[in-house]
Amino acid sequence: MEKTVLYFTLFLFLSIIYETGAIKCYQCSTDEDPKGRDLCGAYEYFDEEAHIPVDCFQEESVTPGTFCVKITKQSPRMFIWDGRWRTVIRRCSSVTETGVTNVCNWGVDLNGVYWEECYCTSDGCNGSSALTVSFSLIAAALVASVWMRL
């Protein structure tokens, strides 16, 4: 009887540790949206109630990881990718360029595409209410890229 209680307590303790170690992130990409739909929040509000955060250590996660990321890219010229000006990717991640989480990094590629990557470490933090694109930063980046080419 004592062994059964001990094993049950150990199992319960290990289950709690495993559950608290896993992060859950929203997972979507405008590249995967059906034509004419914006499910990942590139142009319309990202509906967090219509999406379920995915456990980053389970098989349904596209990429395993220990934190969440939201990547936004926007083109100043004509259309990019599938005819859209903007693309958004939300997913789990395990590597950052800078090695820092809970921050947003942004810049402009040589082809003029503005990009912003926001990393965070709490469940569902890569939804739109937690991380939003700063359009003043987009404008500043575009002005800077034009100024740098002069």
C-alpha atoms as a PDB file:
ATOM      1  CA  MET A   1       0.000   0.000   0.000  1.00  0.00           C
ATOM      2  CA  GLU A   2       2.815   2.431   0.883  1.00  0.00           C
ATOM      3  CA  LYS A   3       4.596   1.657  -2.401  1.00  0.00           C
ATOM      4  CA  THR A   4       1.404   2.388  -4.344  1.00  0.00           C
ATOM      5  CA  VAL A   5       1.020   5.775  -2.638  1.00  0.00           C
ATOM      6  CA  LEU A   6       4.698   6.516  -3.230  1.00  0.00           C
ATOM      7  CA  TYR A   7       4.482   5.597  -6.931  1.00  0.00           C
ATOM      8  CA  PHE A   8       1.279   7.613  -7.354  1.00  0.00           C
ATOM      9  CA  THR A   9       2.859  10.643  -5.659  1.00  0.00           C
ATOM     10  CA  LEU A  10       5.967  10.339  -7.828  1.00  0.00           C
ATOM     11  CA  PHE A  11       3.840  10.002 -10.980  1.00  0.00           C
ATOM     12  CA  LEU A  12       1.763  13.050 -10.004  1.00  0.00           C
ATOM     13  CA  PHE A  13       4.882  15.103  -9.237  1.00  0.00           C
ATOM     14  CA  LEU A  14       6.540  14.190 -12.551  1.00  0.00           C
ATOM     15  CA  SER A  15       3.321  14.975 -14.445  1.00  0.00           C
ATOM     16  CA  ILE A  16       3.181  18.436 -12.879  1.00  0.00           C
ATOM     17  CA  ILE A  17       6.839  19.110 -13.733  1.00  0.00           C
ATOM     18  CA  TYR A  18       6.336  17.993 -17.351  1.00  0.00           C
ATOM     19  CA  GLU A  19       3.161  20.058 -17.754  1.00  0.00           C
ATOM     20  CA  THR A  20       4.735  23.248 -16.403  1.00  0.00           C
ATOM     21  CA  GLY A  21       7.811  22.859 -18.627  1.00  0.00           C
ATOM     22  CA  ALA A  22       5.898  22.816 -21.905  1.00  0.00           C
ATOM     23  CA  ILE A  23       4.937  26.101 -23.569  1.00  0.00           C
ATOM     24  CA  LYS A  24       1.916  26.474 -25.832  1.00  0.00           C
ATOM     25  CA  CYS A  25       2.070  28.774 -28.861  1.00  0.00           C
ATOM     26  CA  TYR A  26      -0.284  29.745 -31.647  1.00  0.00           C
ATOM     27  CA  GLN A  27       0.705  28.101 -34.898  1.00  0.00           C
ATOM     28  CA  CYS A  28      -0.316  29.438 -38.317  1.00  0.00           C
ATOM     29  CA  SER A  29       1.064  31.041 -41.460  1.00  0.00           C
ATOM     30  CA  THR A  30      -0.510  33.271 -44.085  1.00  0.00           C
ATOM     31  CA  ASP A  31       1.236  31.040 -46.648  1.00  0.00           C
ATOM     32  CA  GLU A  32      -1.111  28.238 -45.530  1.00  0.00           C
ATOM     33  CA  ASP A  33      -4.321  30.338 -45.430  1.00  0.00           C
ATOM     34  CA  PRO A  34      -6.964  29.394 -47.999  1.00  0.00           C
ATOM     35  CA  LYS A  35      -7.214  31.866 -50.889  1.00  0.00           C
ATOM     36  CA  GLY A  36      -9.220  34.919 -49.862  1.00  0.00           C
ATOM     37  CA  ARG A  37      -8.983  34.145 -46.130  1.00  0.00           C
ATOM     38  CA  ASP A  38      -6.786  35.767 -43.483  1.00  0.00           C
ATOM     39  CA  LEU A  39      -6.684  33.275 -40.618  1.00  0.00           C
ATOM     40  CA  CYS A  40      -3.252  34.219 -39.268  1.00  0.00           C
ATOM     41  CA  GLY A  41      -3.898  37.941 -38.836  1.00  0.00           C
ATOM     42  CA  ALA A  42      -1.887  39.564 -41.620  1.00  0.00           C
ATOM     43  CA  TYR A  43      -4.657  42.059 -42.451  1.00  0.00           C
ATOM     44  CA  GLU A  44      -7.496  41.264 -40.095  1.00  0.00           C
ATOM     45  CA  TYR A  45      -7.587  40.834 -36.323  1.00  0.00           C
ATOM     46  CA  PHE A  46      -6.111  37.500 -35.206  1.00  0.00           C
ATOM     47  CA  ASP A  47      -8.959  35.716 -33.451  1.00  0.00           C
ATOM     48  CA  GLU A  48      -7.350  33.950 -30.493  1.00  0.00           C
ATOM     49  CA  GLU A  49     -10.627  32.191 -29.668  1.00  0.00           C
ATOM     50  CA  ALA A  50     -10.714  30.553 -33.115  1.00  0.00           C
ATOM     51  CA  HIS A  51      -7.196  29.116 -32.661  1.00  0.00           C
ATOM     52  CA  ILE A  52      -5.875  26.725 -30.049  1.00  0.00           C
ATOM     53  CA  PRO A  53      -2.286  27.137 -28.843  1.00  0.00           C
ATOM     54  CA  VAL A  54      -0.211  24.049 -29.624  1.00  0.00           C
ATOM     55  CA  ASP A  55       2.041  22.341 -27.088  1.00  0.00           C
ATOM     56  CA  CYS A  56       5.568  22.933 -28.417  1.00  0.00           C
ATOM     57  CA  PHE A  57       6.759  19.469 -27.335  1.00  0.00           C
ATOM     58  CA  GLN A  58       3.951  17.507 -29.028  1.00  0.00           C
ATOM     59  CA  GLU A  59       3.866  16.182 -32.594  1.00  0.00           C
ATOM     60  CA  GLU A  60       1.286  18.701 -33.842  1.00  0.00           C
ATOM     61  CA  SER A  61       3.900  21.439 -33.404  1.00  0.00           C
ATOM     62  CA  VAL A  62       5.486  22.298 -36.777  1.00  0.00           C
ATOM     63  CA  THR A  63       8.722  23.189 -34.995  1.00  0.00           C
ATOM     64  CA  PRO A  64       9.515  22.126 -31.431  1.00  0.00           C
ATOM     65  CA  GLY A  65      10.698  24.821 -29.086  1.00  0.00           C
ATOM     66  CA  THR A  66      10.880  26.456 -25.697  1.00  0.00           C
ATOM     67  CA  PHE A  67       9.366  29.832 -26.625  1.00  0.00           C
ATOM     68  CA  CYS A  68       6.965  31.406 -29.150  1.00  0.00           C
ATOM     69  CA  VAL A  69       7.666  33.613 -32.154  1.00  0.00           C
ATOM     70  CA  LYS A  70       5.599  35.893 -34.371  1.00  0.00           C
ATOM     71  CA  ILE A  71       7.274  36.860 -37.662  1.00  0.00           C
ATOM     72  CA  THR A  72       5.836  39.637 -39.827  1.00  0.00           C
ATOM     73  CA  LYS A  73       7.120  40.666 -43.248  1.00  0.00           C
ATOM     74  CA  GLN A  74       5.789  43.528 -45.334  1.00  0.00           C
ATOM     75  CA  SER A  75       6.788  44.694 -48.787  1.00  0.00           C
ATOM     76  CA  PRO A  76       6.921  48.356 -49.834  1.00  0.00           C
ATOM     77  CA  ARG A  77       6.831  47.422 -53.533  1.00  0.00           C
ATOM     78  CA  MET A  78       4.129  45.702 -55.518  1.00  0.00           C
ATOM     79  CA  PHE A  79       2.964  42.351 -54.219  1.00  0.00           C
ATOM     80  CA  ILE A  80       5.108  39.630 -52.699  1.00  0.00           C
ATOM     81  CA  TRP A  81       4.623  35.901 -52.139  1.00  0.00           C
ATOM     82  CA  ASP A  82       1.062  34.940 -53.036  1.00  0.00           C
ATOM     83  CA  GLY A  83      -0.186  38.392 -54.038  1.00  0.00           C
ATOM     84  CA  ARG A  84      -0.235  39.822 -50.527  1.00  0.00           C
ATOM     85  CA  TRP A  85       1.682  42.785 -49.183  1.00  0.00           C
ATOM     86  CA  ARG A  86       2.137  41.264 -45.753  1.00  0.00           C
ATOM     87  CA  THR A  87       2.787  37.800 -44.362  1.00  0.00           C
ATOM     88  CA  VAL A  88       2.604  36.556 -40.752  1.00  0.00           C
ATOM     89  CA  ILE A  89       3.963  33.362 -39.199  1.00  0.00           C
ATOM     90  CA  ARG A  90       3.191  32.266 -35.634  1.00  0.00           C
ATOM     91  CA  ARG A  91       4.878  29.172 -34.211  1.00  0.00           C
ATOM     92  CA  CYS A  92       7.096  27.585 -31.588  1.00  0.00           C
ATOM     93  CA  SER A  93      10.798  28.320 -31.766  1.00  0.00           C
ATOM     94  CA  SER A  94      14.020  27.241 -30.114  1.00  0.00           C
ATOM     95  CA  VAL A  95      16.655  29.477 -31.722  1.00  0.00           C
ATOM     96  CA  THR A  96      16.875  33.245 -32.143  1.00  0.00           C
ATOM     97  CA  GLU A  97      19.418  35.208 -34.125  1.00  0.00           C
ATOM     98  CA  THR A  98      20.281  37.287 -31.054  1.00  0.00           C
ATOM     99  CA  GLY A  99      19.785  34.648 -28.375  1.00  0.00           C
ATOM    100  CA  VAL A 100      17.314  36.907 -26.555  1.00  0.00           C
ATOM    101  CA  THR A 101      13.637  36.252 -25.840  1.00  0.00           C
ATOM    102  CA  ASN A 102      10.761  38.535 -24.819  1.00  0.00           C
ATOM    103  CA  VAL A 103      11.892  41.152 -27.342  1.00  0.00           C
ATOM    104  CA  CYS A 104      11.122  42.197 -30.905  1.00  0.00           C
ATOM    105  CA  ASN A 105      13.848  42.586 -33.502  1.00  0.00           C
ATOM    106  CA  TRP A 106      13.174  44.365 -36.787  1.00  0.00           C
ATOM    107  CA  GLY A 107      14.914  45.527 -39.904  1.00  0.00           C
ATOM    108  CA  VAL A 108      14.750  45.920 -43.665  1.00  0.00           C
ATOM    109  CA  ASP A 109      16.153  43.361 -46.092  1.00  0.00           C
ATOM    110  CA  LEU A 110      18.205  44.500 -49.087  1.00  0.00           C
ATOM    111  CA  ASN A 111      15.151  43.957 -51.312  1.00  0.00           C
ATOM    112  CA  GLY A 112      13.159  46.468 -49.214  1.00  0.00           C
ATOM    113  CA  VAL A 113      11.052  43.948 -47.287  1.00  0.00           C
ATOM    114  CA  TYR A 114      10.426  45.064 -43.693  1.00  0.00           C
ATOM    115  CA  TRP A 115      10.619  42.245 -41.150  1.00  0.00           C
ATOM    116  CA  GLU A 116       9.828  41.980 -37.466  1.00  0.00           C
ATOM    117  CA  GLU A 117      10.419  38.956 -35.229  1.00  0.00           C
ATOM    118  CA  CYS A 118       8.924  38.951 -31.728  1.00  0.00           C
ATOM    119  CA  TYR A 119       9.893  36.239 -29.237  1.00  0.00           C
ATOM    120  CA  CYS A 120       8.071  35.509 -25.968  1.00  0.00           C
ATOM    121  CA  THR A 121       8.002  32.891 -23.236  1.00  0.00           C
ATOM    122  CA  SER A 122       4.441  32.509 -21.927  1.00  0.00           C
ATOM    123  CA  ASP A 123       1.549  30.382 -23.169  1.00  0.00           C
ATOM    124  CA  GLY A 124      -0.237  31.907 -26.164  1.00  0.00           C
ATOM    125  CA  CYS A 125       1.940  35.024 -26.117  1.00  0.00           C
ATOM    126  CA  ASN A 126       2.332  35.134 -29.922  1.00  0.00           C
ATOM    127  CA  GLY A 127      -1.313  36.098 -30.442  1.00  0.00           C
ATOM    128  CA  SER A 128      -2.066  39.559 -31.790  1.00  0.00           C
ATOM    129  CA  SER A 129      -3.085  41.034 -28.461  1.00  0.00           C
ATOM    130  CA  ALA A 130       0.334  40.234 -27.029  1.00  0.00           C
ATOM    131  CA  LEU A 131       2.483  41.154 -30.021  1.00  0.00           C
ATOM    132  CA  THR A 132       1.455  43.669 -32.646  1.00  0.00           C
ATOM    133  CA  VAL A 133       3.308  45.162 -35.555  1.00  0.00           C
ATOM    134  CA  SER A 134       4.256  48.764 -34.959  1.00  0.00           C
ATOM    135  CA  PHE A 135       3.382  50.589 -38.153  1.00  0.00           C
ATOM    136  CA  SER A 136       5.377  53.615 -36.990  1.00  0.00           C
ATOM    137  CA  LEU A 137       8.396  51.287 -36.955  1.00  0.00           C
ATOM    138  CA  ILE A 138       7.507  50.133 -40.462  1.00  0.00           C
ATOM    139  CA  ALA A 139       7.380  53.736 -41.644  1.00  0.00           C
ATOM    140  CA  ALA A 140      10.687  54.527 -39.917  1.00  0.00           C
ATOM    141  CA  ALA A 141      12.313  51.431 -41.448  1.00  0.00           C
ATOM    142  CA  LEU A 142      11.078  52.332 -44.919  1.00  0.00           C
ATOM    143  CA  VAL A 143      12.318  55.920 -44.587  1.00  0.00           C
ATOM    144  CA  ALA A 144      15.673  54.616 -43.334  1.00  0.00           C
ATOM    145  CA  SER A 145      15.982  52.165 -46.237  1.00  0.00           C
ATOM    146  CA  VAL A 146      15.218  54.911 -48.776  1.00  0.00           C
ATOM    147  CA  TRP A 147      17.636  57.299 -47.047  1.00  0.00           C
ATOM    148  CA  MET A 148      20.391  54.642 -47.025  1.00  0.00           C
ATOM    149  CA  ARG A 149      20.062  54.167 -50.792  1.00  0.00           C
ATOM    150  CA  LEU A 150      20.620  57.888 -51.490  1.00  0.00           C
END
